[in-house]
Amino acid sequence: MKKLIDHSNSVEELEESLKALLEEDEKYVHFIPEWPSFKFKGFLGKHTLRLGKGGTGAWSSVTVNGKGNSKQFRTYYGQ
């Protein structure tokens, strides 16, 4: 991962490298504006971002690893 970051000239280039690495698999790569609903749920100081696609019943959850990173994660998404 560090190698990808070090060799990327921009955030966009890093995003493209990560998507290619993950083969744009829907299980791992989410384009958040396509998910009409998202909210944070917290438990014991850890927060999970839950994404939902409305009536289709599709949902996905994202959790940040590392102590203290949850707050930055929520702040980034305005929560």
Protein backbone atom coordinates (compact mmCIF):
# COMPACT_ATOMS: atom_id res chain seq x y z
CA MET A 1 0.00 0.00 0.00
CA LYS A 2 2.77 2.43 0.94
CA LYS A 3 4.41 1.73 -2.42
CA LEU A 4 1.20 2.71 -4.26
CA ILE A 5 0.93 5.93 -2.28
CA ASP A 6 4.60 6.82 -2.81
CA HIS A 7 4.40 6.27 -6.58
CA SER A 8 1.13 8.16 -7.13
CA ASN A 9 1.38 11.71 -8.45
CA SER A 10 -2.16 12.65 -7.43
CA VAL A 11 -5.14 11.45 -5.40
CA GLU A 12 -6.91 10.56 -8.64
CA GLU A 13 -3.98 8.40 -9.76
CA LEU A 14 -3.95 6.64 -6.38
CA GLU A 15 -7.71 6.01 -6.61
CA GLU A 16 -7.30 4.50 -10.09
CA SER A 17 -4.44 2.28 -8.89
CA LEU A 18 -6.49 1.02 -5.94
CA LYS A 19 -9.54 0.36 -8.12
CA ALA A 20 -7.37 -1.60 -10.57
CA LEU A 21 -5.83 -3.58 -7.71
CA LEU A 22 -9.30 -4.49 -6.44
CA GLU A 23 -10.56 -5.08 -10.00
CA GLU A 24 -13.40 -2.61 -9.30
CA ASP A 25 -15.19 -5.42 -7.46
CA GLU A 26 -18.50 -4.15 -6.01
CA LYS A 27 -17.67 -5.83 -2.70
CA TYR A 28 -14.67 -3.53 -2.21
CA VAL A 29 -15.09 -0.43 -4.38
CA HIS A 30 -18.01 1.91 -3.67
CA PHE A 31 -18.81 5.14 -5.45
CA ILE A 32 -20.58 6.83 -2.53
CA PRO A 33 -22.68 9.30 -4.59
CA GLU A 34 -24.44 6.24 -6.12
CA TRP A 35 -25.67 5.23 -2.68
CA PRO A 36 -28.67 7.46 -1.85
CA SER A 37 -28.54 6.72 1.87
CA PHE A 38 -25.66 6.60 4.31
CA LYS A 39 -25.42 6.92 8.06
CA PHE A 40 -22.99 6.19 10.83
CA LYS A 41 -23.67 3.74 13.61
CA GLY A 42 -21.45 3.70 16.68
CA PHE A 43 -20.63 1.13 19.32
CA LEU A 44 -17.95 1.46 22.00
CA GLY A 45 -16.21 4.33 20.23
CA LYS A 46 -15.99 2.61 16.84
CA HIS A 47 -18.20 3.79 14.00
CA THR A 48 -19.43 2.03 10.90
CA LEU A 49 -20.59 3.79 7.76
CA ARG A 50 -23.68 2.01 6.45
CA LEU A 51 -24.54 2.62 2.79
CA GLY A 52 -27.99 1.78 1.41
CA LYS A 53 -29.44 1.70 -2.10
CA GLY A 54 -33.06 2.37 -1.17
CA GLY A 55 -35.75 -0.07 -2.30
CA THR A 56 -33.34 -2.62 -3.74
CA GLY A 57 -32.37 -3.87 -0.31
CA ALA A 58 -28.69 -3.56 -1.19
CA TRP A 59 -26.45 -2.26 1.57
CA SER A 60 -22.80 -2.23 2.50
CA SER A 61 -20.83 -1.32 5.61
CA VAL A 62 -17.40 0.28 5.94
CA THR A 63 -15.37 0.39 9.17
CA VAL A 64 -12.14 2.27 9.85
CA ASN A 65 -9.33 0.43 11.61
CA GLY A 66 -7.16 2.10 14.22
CA LYS A 67 -7.90 3.93 17.43
CA GLY A 68 -9.06 7.52 16.94
CA ASN A 69 -9.56 7.24 13.17
CA SER A 70 -13.32 6.94 13.52
CA LYS A 71 -13.70 10.62 14.38
CA GLN A 72 -11.73 11.70 11.28
CA PHE A 73 -13.81 9.32 9.19
CA ARG A 74 -17.10 10.87 10.41
CA THR A 75 -15.75 14.43 10.06
CA TYR A 76 -14.75 13.74 6.44
CA TYR A 77 -18.35 12.75 5.68
CA GLY A 78 -19.84 15.65 7.67
CA GLN A 79 -21.23 13.59 10.55
